[in-house]
Every structure is written in structure tokens, then in C-alpha cells.
Amino acid sequence: MTDVPAAADELLKSLADRADPDFAANMQRYFPHEIRALGVGNAAVAAVATDYFRDRRDITPAARLHLAETVLARAEHHEEVLLGFAVLHKAARTGLGEELLGRCEHWLETYVSNWAQCDDLCLKLLYPFFLGHLELIPRTRRWVESPSPWARRAANVAVVKFVRRKVGRTLFELPTSHVFDNCAHLMHDGDPYVQKGCGWLLKITAEVHPAEVTEFLRTWHTDMPRDTFRYAVEKMDPRTRRSLMALGQGVTR
């Protein structure tokens, strides 16, 4: 692929051709603030990328990364950001190295503007990437210091599928210290989506390490926002959940 701008034009036009103003209007209910949307569903966004590469199998992962950067730099609508990520889905696990992690951090801080874009990057791009690069997972811990709330949310969302996961013949477990250090650091973060990310990671970790999460919540319940606390205990056994919720009555935020 020698003409990246032309390729970006083709992809963005294919996406625009699927625009549905009525669907775009309906999408707004999922977001607290208005987003600029074309009205294209997530599956259709992925299909645009898949269709483009179907007859272009010789395009290298490095060229895909360049194309993704170009699409993202031009993005003016919600789905165009998702398309930038979709360009890389098939290359994420084995085609790209640690340079992708740095680019994802930059994208979170520069192009991502809502929870759906953040979670798409985490679960559809970083998830397959980490399946092929488990050793790079700890590098996401620095994102808790990011000025971007989406990077801070991603510090937790990007690892929720690795609390315990079979990868080939290896059973990978995210250290509980990683989980608890992240959540303690973000405990007083004022962004609700960062807090929801904390609750989500704690909830998943509680399925694997219930005693450790219970102790963490007992220690931190007076500092933790109510919604984060409630989300964290959501899947615990009823007796433990009732006991913790009784503590949580004192949580005021």
C-alpha cells in the first residue's frame, strides 16, 4: 500500500455511505453528552475494515498502523475513531510489537472522547494484542497518572480479561497487587467513568480472589465512591455482599 491518504479516503467514504441519521439520533441516549455520530453500528464499522482488507492481504501490519493513524487524524465522527482501531484488529496479536502500546496511550489521550471508544480500544484492540504480548501488560499501570480520564479508565478496562485467562498452555493471572494498586491510586478520581472502570475490575477480580477483594473493600469502603463499591460487590455471594453493603451505607459520594 503506497497511497495511505487514498486508502483512508476509501475507508472513510465506505463508512459514510452506511450513515443512518435516525440511528445516530438514537445512539445519543447511551452518552451523557452529545456525540457527533454518523449512525453506524459497531459491527458495521468492523465490516468496513474487514471488507477493505479482504482482497488486500499483502498489506503489512506496519502499513495498517500508518493507515490507522491517518484515519484517526481525520476522524470527525464517533464511528471514524472506531474505524481507526478496526483497521488494526487483525494485526494486533502477532503483527505489531510494543510500539502499538505507545500509540494506544497517545490515542487515548488525543482521539478518544467517550467511554465507548475507550472500551473498543481496550477490548477489541488491546485484548488481542496482550494475548500475544503478556509481558507488556504491566506497562498499562502508568496510565493511572495520565491527564486523560480515558487513559485512566483504560488502565483498568484493558486488563479486565486478564484477571485469570488461559493463553495457549499458560494460565495467566493478573497479580492482585496490580488490581489493588490501580484502584487505590484512582480511588478519589473525580471522573465517573474512571470510577466505573475501578468497579468493573474489582468485580471481575472478586470472582477469582473473593477473600482478597473483600478485605480490600473493607479497608477502603469509607474512601470509595458508592457506585464503585456497589459495582465491585455485584457478583459476590449474597451473604458477603450483604455484609459489605452494610459497611457501604457509610459511603457518601
C-alpha atoms as a PDB file:
ATOM      1  CA  MET A   1       0.000   0.000   0.000  1.00  0.00           C
ATOM      2  CA  THR A   2       1.777   3.109  -1.202  1.00  0.00           C
ATOM      3  CA  ASP A   3      -1.025   5.678  -1.101  1.00  0.00           C
ATOM      4  CA  VAL A   4      -2.155   5.832   2.518  1.00  0.00           C
ATOM      5  CA  PRO A   5      -4.228   9.043   2.124  1.00  0.00           C
ATOM      6  CA  ALA A   6      -6.196   7.446  -0.730  1.00  0.00           C
ATOM      7  CA  ALA A   7      -6.763   4.308   1.334  1.00  0.00           C
ATOM      8  CA  ALA A   8      -8.016   6.423   4.234  1.00  0.00           C
ATOM      9  CA  ASP A   9     -10.337   8.273   1.868  1.00  0.00           C
ATOM     10  CA  GLU A  10     -11.778   4.984   0.626  1.00  0.00           C
ATOM     11  CA  LEU A  11     -12.350   3.638   4.118  1.00  0.00           C
ATOM     12  CA  LEU A  12     -13.954   6.819   5.391  1.00  0.00           C
ATOM     13  CA  LYS A  13     -16.211   7.033   2.332  1.00  0.00           C
ATOM     14  CA  SER A  14     -17.321   3.421   2.795  1.00  0.00           C
ATOM     15  CA  LEU A  15     -18.194   4.261   6.382  1.00  0.00           C
ATOM     16  CA  ALA A  16     -20.057   7.441   5.447  1.00  0.00           C
ATOM     17  CA  ASP A  17     -22.086   5.505   2.872  1.00  0.00           C
ATOM     18  CA  ARG A  18     -23.571   3.470   5.745  1.00  0.00           C
ATOM     19  CA  ALA A  19     -24.656   6.521   7.754  1.00  0.00           C
ATOM     20  CA  ASP A  20     -28.153   6.444   9.233  1.00  0.00           C
ATOM     21  CA  PRO A  21     -29.295   9.746  10.810  1.00  0.00           C
ATOM     22  CA  ASP A  22     -32.122   8.076  12.751  1.00  0.00           C
ATOM     23  CA  PHE A  23     -29.739   5.553  14.262  1.00  0.00           C
ATOM     24  CA  ALA A  24     -27.320   8.384  15.080  1.00  0.00           C
ATOM     25  CA  ALA A  25     -30.071  10.169  16.999  1.00  0.00           C
ATOM     26  CA  ASN A  26     -30.922   7.001  18.934  1.00  0.00           C
ATOM     27  CA  MET A  27     -27.271   6.488  19.876  1.00  0.00           C
ATOM     28  CA  GLN A  28     -27.259   9.673  21.927  1.00  0.00           C
ATOM     29  CA  ARG A  29     -29.120   8.032  24.811  1.00  0.00           C
ATOM     30  CA  TYR A  30     -26.041   5.982  25.663  1.00  0.00           C
ATOM     31  CA  PHE A  31     -23.905   9.047  26.277  1.00  0.00           C
ATOM     32  CA  PRO A  32     -24.259  11.802  28.893  1.00  0.00           C
ATOM     33  CA  HIS A  33     -23.057  14.405  26.409  1.00  0.00           C
ATOM     34  CA  GLU A  34     -23.889  14.786  22.747  1.00  0.00           C
ATOM     35  CA  ILE A  35     -21.557  12.983  20.380  1.00  0.00           C
ATOM     36  CA  ARG A  36     -21.067  13.638  16.693  1.00  0.00           C
ATOM     37  CA  ALA A  37     -22.162  10.357  15.107  1.00  0.00           C
ATOM     38  CA  LEU A  38     -22.837   9.027  11.626  1.00  0.00           C
ATOM     39  CA  GLY A  39     -25.209   6.360  12.845  1.00  0.00           C
ATOM     40  CA  VAL A  40     -23.245   3.204  12.018  1.00  0.00           C
ATOM     41  CA  GLY A  41     -23.327   0.192  14.331  1.00  0.00           C
ATOM     42  CA  ASN A  42     -20.141  -1.308  15.742  1.00  0.00           C
ATOM     43  CA  ALA A  43     -20.448  -4.496  13.667  1.00  0.00           C
ATOM     44  CA  ALA A  44     -20.848  -2.443  10.502  1.00  0.00           C
ATOM     45  CA  VAL A  45     -17.764  -0.373  11.364  1.00  0.00           C
ATOM     46  CA  ALA A  46     -15.740  -3.576  11.733  1.00  0.00           C
ATOM     47  CA  ALA A  47     -17.180  -4.852   8.443  1.00  0.00           C
ATOM     48  CA  VAL A  48     -15.904  -1.771   6.591  1.00  0.00           C
ATOM     49  CA  ALA A  49     -12.350  -2.619   7.670  1.00  0.00           C
ATOM     50  CA  THR A  50     -12.781  -6.346   7.007  1.00  0.00           C
ATOM     51  CA  ASP A  51     -14.163  -5.739   3.521  1.00  0.00           C
ATOM     52  CA  TYR A  52     -11.316  -3.382   2.666  1.00  0.00           C
ATOM     53  CA  PHE A  53      -8.584  -5.859   3.603  1.00  0.00           C
ATOM     54  CA  ARG A  54     -10.262  -8.966   2.167  1.00  0.00           C
ATOM     55  CA  ASP A  55      -8.560  -8.551  -1.212  1.00  0.00           C
ATOM     56  CA  ARG A  56      -5.514  -6.745   0.138  1.00  0.00           C
ATOM     57  CA  ARG A  57      -3.840  -9.440   2.196  1.00  0.00           C
ATOM     58  CA  ASP A  58      -0.367  -8.183   1.273  1.00  0.00           C
ATOM     59  CA  ILE A  59      -0.755  -5.018   3.343  1.00  0.00           C
ATOM     60  CA  THR A  60       1.761  -5.228   6.183  1.00  0.00           C
ATOM     61  CA  PRO A  61       0.948  -4.580   9.844  1.00  0.00           C
ATOM     62  CA  ALA A  62       3.211  -1.526   9.731  1.00  0.00           C
ATOM     63  CA  ALA A  63       1.204  -0.147   6.804  1.00  0.00           C
ATOM     64  CA  ARG A  64      -2.026  -0.836   8.713  1.00  0.00           C
ATOM     65  CA  LEU A  65      -0.652   1.149  11.643  1.00  0.00           C
ATOM     66  CA  HIS A  66       0.134   4.075   9.339  1.00  0.00           C
ATOM     67  CA  LEU A  67      -3.354   3.839   7.862  1.00  0.00           C
ATOM     68  CA  ALA A  68      -4.940   3.730  11.326  1.00  0.00           C
ATOM     69  CA  GLU A  69      -3.027   6.859  12.322  1.00  0.00           C
ATOM     70  CA  THR A  70      -4.255   8.627   9.178  1.00  0.00           C
ATOM     71  CA  VAL A  71      -7.896   7.668   9.755  1.00  0.00           C
ATOM     72  CA  LEU A  72      -7.727   8.781  13.380  1.00  0.00           C
ATOM     73  CA  ALA A  73      -6.123  12.102  12.480  1.00  0.00           C
ATOM     74  CA  ARG A  74      -9.014  12.778  10.087  1.00  0.00           C
ATOM     75  CA  ALA A  75     -11.776  11.499  12.348  1.00  0.00           C
ATOM     76  CA  GLU A  76     -14.623  13.928  12.963  1.00  0.00           C
ATOM     77  CA  HIS A  77     -17.301  11.413  13.957  1.00  0.00           C
ATOM     78  CA  HIS A  78     -17.529   8.798  16.680  1.00  0.00           C
ATOM     79  CA  GLU A  79     -17.513   5.845  14.294  1.00  0.00           C
ATOM     80  CA  GLU A  80     -14.462   7.135  12.416  1.00  0.00           C
ATOM     81  CA  VAL A  81     -12.439   6.727  15.605  1.00  0.00           C
ATOM     82  CA  LEU A  82     -13.729   3.168  15.913  1.00  0.00           C
ATOM     83  CA  LEU A  83     -12.768   2.561  12.281  1.00  0.00           C
ATOM     84  CA  GLY A  84      -9.216   3.654  13.015  1.00  0.00           C
ATOM     85  CA  PHE A  85      -8.999   0.954  15.663  1.00  0.00           C
ATOM     86  CA  ALA A  86     -10.765  -1.634  13.473  1.00  0.00           C
ATOM     87  CA  VAL A  87      -8.045  -1.267  10.833  1.00  0.00           C
ATOM     88  CA  LEU A  88      -5.669  -2.934  13.315  1.00  0.00           C
ATOM     89  CA  HIS A  89      -7.845  -5.683  14.816  1.00  0.00           C
ATOM     90  CA  LYS A  90      -6.450  -8.494  12.660  1.00  0.00           C
ATOM     91  CA  ALA A  91      -2.838  -7.398  13.089  1.00  0.00           C
ATOM     92  CA  ALA A  92      -2.867  -6.745  16.818  1.00  0.00           C
ATOM     93  CA  ARG A  93      -1.920 -10.131  18.265  1.00  0.00           C
ATOM     94  CA  THR A  94       1.194 -11.012  16.284  1.00  0.00           C
ATOM     95  CA  GLY A  95       1.773  -8.339  13.673  1.00  0.00           C
ATOM     96  CA  LEU A  96       2.746  -5.451  15.899  1.00  0.00           C
ATOM     97  CA  GLY A  97       5.184  -5.023  18.765  1.00  0.00           C
ATOM     98  CA  GLU A  98       5.441  -2.757  21.756  1.00  0.00           C
ATOM     99  CA  GLU A  99       5.134   0.324  19.550  1.00  0.00           C
ATOM    100  CA  LEU A 100       1.367  -0.282  19.478  1.00  0.00           C
ATOM    101  CA  LEU A 101       1.105   0.197  23.234  1.00  0.00           C
ATOM    102  CA  GLY A 102       2.648   3.641  22.996  1.00  0.00           C
ATOM    103  CA  ARG A 103       0.353   4.554  20.136  1.00  0.00           C
ATOM    104  CA  CYS A 104      -2.705   3.395  22.096  1.00  0.00           C
ATOM    105  CA  GLU A 105      -1.716   5.617  25.012  1.00  0.00           C
ATOM    106  CA  HIS A 106      -1.399   8.555  22.611  1.00  0.00           C
ATOM    107  CA  TRP A 107      -4.777   7.782  21.010  1.00  0.00           C
ATOM    108  CA  LEU A 108      -6.476   7.581  24.385  1.00  0.00           C
ATOM    109  CA  GLU A 109      -5.118  10.992  25.254  1.00  0.00           C
ATOM    110  CA  THR A 110      -5.694  12.563  21.828  1.00  0.00           C
ATOM    111  CA  TYR A 111      -8.594  10.996  19.908  1.00  0.00           C
ATOM    112  CA  VAL A 112     -10.763   9.064  22.371  1.00  0.00           C
ATOM    113  CA  SER A 113     -13.609  11.210  23.682  1.00  0.00           C
ATOM    114  CA  ASN A 114     -16.139   8.807  25.220  1.00  0.00           C
ATOM    115  CA  TRP A 115     -16.433   5.530  27.117  1.00  0.00           C
ATOM    116  CA  ALA A 116     -17.438   3.515  24.042  1.00  0.00           C
ATOM    117  CA  GLN A 117     -14.300   4.459  22.137  1.00  0.00           C
ATOM    118  CA  CYS A 118     -12.177   3.745  25.201  1.00  0.00           C
ATOM    119  CA  ASP A 119     -13.689   0.306  25.699  1.00  0.00           C
ATOM    120  CA  ASP A 120     -13.500  -0.545  21.998  1.00  0.00           C
ATOM    121  CA  LEU A 121      -9.768   0.166  22.020  1.00  0.00           C
ATOM    122  CA  CYS A 122      -9.316  -1.881  25.191  1.00  0.00           C
ATOM    123  CA  LEU A 123     -11.437  -4.917  24.358  1.00  0.00           C
ATOM    124  CA  LYS A 124     -11.085  -5.209  20.594  1.00  0.00           C
ATOM    125  CA  LEU A 125      -7.535  -3.974  20.061  1.00  0.00           C
ATOM    126  CA  LEU A 126      -5.532  -4.237  23.272  1.00  0.00           C
ATOM    127  CA  TYR A 127      -7.106  -7.553  24.269  1.00  0.00           C
ATOM    128  CA  PRO A 128      -5.781  -9.486  21.227  1.00  0.00           C
ATOM    129  CA  PHE A 129      -2.526  -7.523  21.425  1.00  0.00           C
ATOM    130  CA  PHE A 130      -1.938  -8.612  25.014  1.00  0.00           C
ATOM    131  CA  LEU A 131      -2.756 -12.227  24.154  1.00  0.00           C
ATOM    132  CA  GLY A 132       0.445 -12.117  22.123  1.00  0.00           C
ATOM    133  CA  HIS A 133       2.364  -9.823  24.488  1.00  0.00           C
ATOM    134  CA  LEU A 134       1.524 -10.781  28.060  1.00  0.00           C
ATOM    135  CA  GLU A 135       4.814  -9.343  29.273  1.00  0.00           C
ATOM    136  CA  LEU A 136       3.685  -5.833  28.295  1.00  0.00           C
ATOM    137  CA  ILE A 137       0.538  -5.771  30.453  1.00  0.00           C
ATOM    138  CA  PRO A 138       2.305  -4.145  33.456  1.00  0.00           C
ATOM    139  CA  ARG A 139       3.141  -1.106  31.328  1.00  0.00           C
ATOM    140  CA  THR A 140      -0.502  -0.016  31.437  1.00  0.00           C
ATOM    141  CA  ARG A 141      -0.097   0.786  35.137  1.00  0.00           C
ATOM    142  CA  ARG A 142       1.476   4.131  34.274  1.00  0.00           C
ATOM    143  CA  TRP A 143      -1.799   5.173  32.661  1.00  0.00           C
ATOM    144  CA  VAL A 144      -3.285   5.859  36.079  1.00  0.00           C
ATOM    145  CA  GLU A 145      -1.171   9.046  36.044  1.00  0.00           C
ATOM    146  CA  SER A 146      -2.455  10.218  32.664  1.00  0.00           C
ATOM    147  CA  PRO A 147      -4.141  13.627  32.345  1.00  0.00           C
ATOM    148  CA  SER A 148      -6.771  11.895  30.185  1.00  0.00           C
ATOM    149  CA  PRO A 149      -9.686  10.235  32.021  1.00  0.00           C
ATOM    150  CA  TRP A 150      -9.941   7.758  29.139  1.00  0.00           C
ATOM    151  CA  ALA A 151      -6.373   6.587  29.629  1.00  0.00           C
ATOM    152  CA  ARG A 152      -7.019   6.319  33.370  1.00  0.00           C
ATOM    153  CA  ARG A 153     -10.170   4.265  32.693  1.00  0.00           C
ATOM    154  CA  ALA A 154      -8.225   2.135  30.213  1.00  0.00           C
ATOM    155  CA  ALA A 155      -5.631   1.321  32.875  1.00  0.00           C
ATOM    156  CA  ASN A 156      -8.312  -0.943  34.375  1.00  0.00           C
ATOM    157  CA  VAL A 157     -10.527  -1.847  31.421  1.00  0.00           C
ATOM    158  CA  ALA A 158      -7.580  -3.013  29.322  1.00  0.00           C
ATOM    159  CA  VAL A 159      -6.771  -5.735  31.863  1.00  0.00           C
ATOM    160  CA  VAL A 160     -10.228  -6.980  32.947  1.00  0.00           C
ATOM    161  CA  LYS A 161      -9.937 -10.020  30.663  1.00  0.00           C
ATOM    162  CA  PHE A 162      -6.599 -10.953  32.175  1.00  0.00           C
ATOM    163  CA  VAL A 163      -7.575 -11.331  35.818  1.00  0.00           C
ATOM    164  CA  ARG A 164      -7.351 -15.043  35.025  1.00  0.00           C
ATOM    165  CA  ARG A 165      -7.075 -16.288  31.441  1.00  0.00           C
ATOM    166  CA  LYS A 166      -5.823 -19.363  29.658  1.00  0.00           C
ATOM    167  CA  VAL A 167      -3.446 -18.304  26.888  1.00  0.00           C
ATOM    168  CA  GLY A 168      -2.293 -21.308  24.934  1.00  0.00           C
ATOM    169  CA  ARG A 169      -0.953 -23.714  27.541  1.00  0.00           C
ATOM    170  CA  THR A 170      -0.296 -20.927  30.026  1.00  0.00           C
ATOM    171  CA  LEU A 171      -2.671 -19.814  32.773  1.00  0.00           C
ATOM    172  CA  PHE A 172      -2.078 -16.107  33.180  1.00  0.00           C
ATOM    173  CA  GLU A 173      -3.223 -14.337  36.346  1.00  0.00           C
ATOM    174  CA  LEU A 174      -3.035 -10.604  36.815  1.00  0.00           C
ATOM    175  CA  PRO A 175      -1.358 -10.021  40.200  1.00  0.00           C
ATOM    176  CA  THR A 176      -3.817  -8.747  42.789  1.00  0.00           C
ATOM    177  CA  SER A 177      -1.242  -6.083  43.640  1.00  0.00           C
ATOM    178  CA  HIS A 178      -1.753  -4.693  40.125  1.00  0.00           C
ATOM    179  CA  VAL A 179      -5.515  -4.517  40.665  1.00  0.00           C
ATOM    180  CA  PHE A 180      -5.427  -3.052  44.149  1.00  0.00           C
ATOM    181  CA  ASP A 181      -2.658  -0.541  43.452  1.00  0.00           C
ATOM    182  CA  ASN A 182      -4.559   0.749  40.407  1.00  0.00           C
ATOM    183  CA  CYS A 183      -7.832   1.066  42.281  1.00  0.00           C
ATOM    184  CA  ALA A 184      -6.277   2.622  45.385  1.00  0.00           C
ATOM    185  CA  HIS A 185      -4.498   5.178  43.213  1.00  0.00           C
ATOM    186  CA  LEU A 186      -7.725   6.068  41.394  1.00  0.00           C
ATOM    187  CA  MET A 187      -9.951   5.903  44.474  1.00  0.00           C
ATOM    188  CA  HIS A 188     -10.516   9.648  44.593  1.00  0.00           C
ATOM    189  CA  ASP A 189     -10.600  10.267  40.853  1.00  0.00           C
ATOM    190  CA  GLY A 190     -13.451  12.623  40.083  1.00  0.00           C
ATOM    191  CA  ASP A 191     -14.387  11.144  36.708  1.00  0.00           C
ATOM    192  CA  PRO A 192     -17.355   8.736  36.926  1.00  0.00           C
ATOM    193  CA  TYR A 193     -16.099   6.588  34.055  1.00  0.00           C
ATOM    194  CA  VAL A 194     -12.746   6.108  35.749  1.00  0.00           C
ATOM    195  CA  GLN A 195     -14.650   5.017  38.862  1.00  0.00           C
ATOM    196  CA  LYS A 196     -16.778   2.603  36.828  1.00  0.00           C
ATOM    197  CA  GLY A 197     -13.568   1.122  35.455  1.00  0.00           C
ATOM    198  CA  CYS A 198     -12.357   0.539  39.017  1.00  0.00           C
ATOM    199  CA  GLY A 199     -15.626  -1.126  39.968  1.00  0.00           C
ATOM    200  CA  TRP A 200     -15.543  -3.328  36.883  1.00  0.00           C
ATOM    201  CA  LEU A 201     -12.000  -4.572  37.562  1.00  0.00           C
ATOM    202  CA  LEU A 202     -12.768  -5.223  41.228  1.00  0.00           C
ATOM    203  CA  LYS A 203     -15.954  -7.124  40.307  1.00  0.00           C
ATOM    204  CA  ILE A 204     -14.092  -9.432  37.922  1.00  0.00           C
ATOM    205  CA  THR A 205     -11.231  -9.896  40.377  1.00  0.00           C
ATOM    206  CA  ALA A 206     -13.738 -10.836  43.105  1.00  0.00           C
ATOM    207  CA  GLU A 207     -14.807 -13.836  41.014  1.00  0.00           C
ATOM    208  CA  VAL A 208     -11.233 -15.179  41.191  1.00  0.00           C
ATOM    209  CA  HIS A 209      -9.982 -13.781  44.514  1.00  0.00           C
ATOM    210  CA  PRO A 210     -13.107 -13.146  46.625  1.00  0.00           C
ATOM    211  CA  ALA A 211     -11.363 -13.056  50.005  1.00  0.00           C
ATOM    212  CA  GLU A 212      -8.729 -10.579  48.851  1.00  0.00           C
ATOM    213  CA  VAL A 213     -11.271  -8.249  47.258  1.00  0.00           C
ATOM    214  CA  THR A 214     -13.494  -8.470  50.339  1.00  0.00           C
ATOM    215  CA  GLU A 215     -10.586  -7.389  52.528  1.00  0.00           C
ATOM    216  CA  PHE A 216      -9.720  -4.558  50.120  1.00  0.00           C
ATOM    217  CA  LEU A 217     -13.300  -3.277  50.215  1.00  0.00           C
ATOM    218  CA  ARG A 218     -13.455  -3.491  54.000  1.00  0.00           C
ATOM    219  CA  THR A 219     -10.260  -1.441  54.194  1.00  0.00           C
ATOM    220  CA  TRP A 220     -11.268   1.189  51.659  1.00  0.00           C
ATOM    221  CA  HIS A 221     -15.043   1.397  51.973  1.00  0.00           C
ATOM    222  CA  THR A 222     -15.030   4.852  53.564  1.00  0.00           C
ATOM    223  CA  ASP A 223     -12.935   6.264  50.701  1.00  0.00           C
ATOM    224  CA  MET A 224     -14.639   4.548  47.803  1.00  0.00           C
ATOM    225  CA  PRO A 225     -17.492   6.190  45.856  1.00  0.00           C
ATOM    226  CA  ARG A 226     -20.813   4.427  46.426  1.00  0.00           C
ATOM    227  CA  ASP A 227     -21.320   3.384  42.808  1.00  0.00           C
ATOM    228  CA  THR A 228     -17.811   1.927  42.562  1.00  0.00           C
ATOM    229  CA  PHE A 229     -18.394  -0.030  45.762  1.00  0.00           C
ATOM    230  CA  ARG A 230     -21.756  -1.379  44.622  1.00  0.00           C
ATOM    231  CA  TYR A 231     -20.382  -2.415  41.260  1.00  0.00           C
ATOM    232  CA  ALA A 232     -17.459  -4.211  42.935  1.00  0.00           C
ATOM    233  CA  VAL A 233     -19.727  -6.383  45.120  1.00  0.00           C
ATOM    234  CA  GLU A 234     -22.292  -7.111  42.415  1.00  0.00           C
ATOM    235  CA  LYS A 235     -21.342 -10.760  41.796  1.00  0.00           C
ATOM    236  CA  MET A 236     -20.213 -11.753  45.282  1.00  0.00           C
ATOM    237  CA  ASP A 237     -22.107 -14.417  47.185  1.00  0.00           C
ATOM    238  CA  PRO A 238     -25.256 -12.975  48.792  1.00  0.00           C
ATOM    239  CA  ARG A 239     -24.041 -13.202  52.381  1.00  0.00           C
ATOM    240  CA  THR A 240     -20.749 -11.428  51.688  1.00  0.00           C
ATOM    241  CA  ARG A 241     -22.487  -8.840  49.525  1.00  0.00           C
ATOM    242  CA  ARG A 242     -24.991  -8.017  52.279  1.00  0.00           C
ATOM    243  CA  SER A 243     -22.205  -7.709  54.828  1.00  0.00           C
ATOM    244  CA  LEU A 244     -20.201  -5.377  52.611  1.00  0.00           C
ATOM    245  CA  MET A 245     -23.216  -3.336  51.590  1.00  0.00           C
ATOM    246  CA  ALA A 246     -23.927  -2.746  55.265  1.00  0.00           C
ATOM    247  CA  LEU A 247     -20.470  -1.181  55.502  1.00  0.00           C
ATOM    248  CA  GLY A 248     -21.139   0.745  52.313  1.00  0.00           C
ATOM    249  CA  GLN A 249     -24.049   2.575  53.898  1.00  0.00           C
ATOM    250  CA  GLY A 250     -21.489   4.973  55.250  1.00  0.00           C
ATOM    251  CA  VAL A 251     -20.160   5.832  51.812  1.00  0.00           C
ATOM    252  CA  THR A 252     -21.442   9.259  50.878  1.00  0.00           C
ATOM    253  CA  ARG A 253     -20.027  10.022  47.447  1.00  0.00           C
END
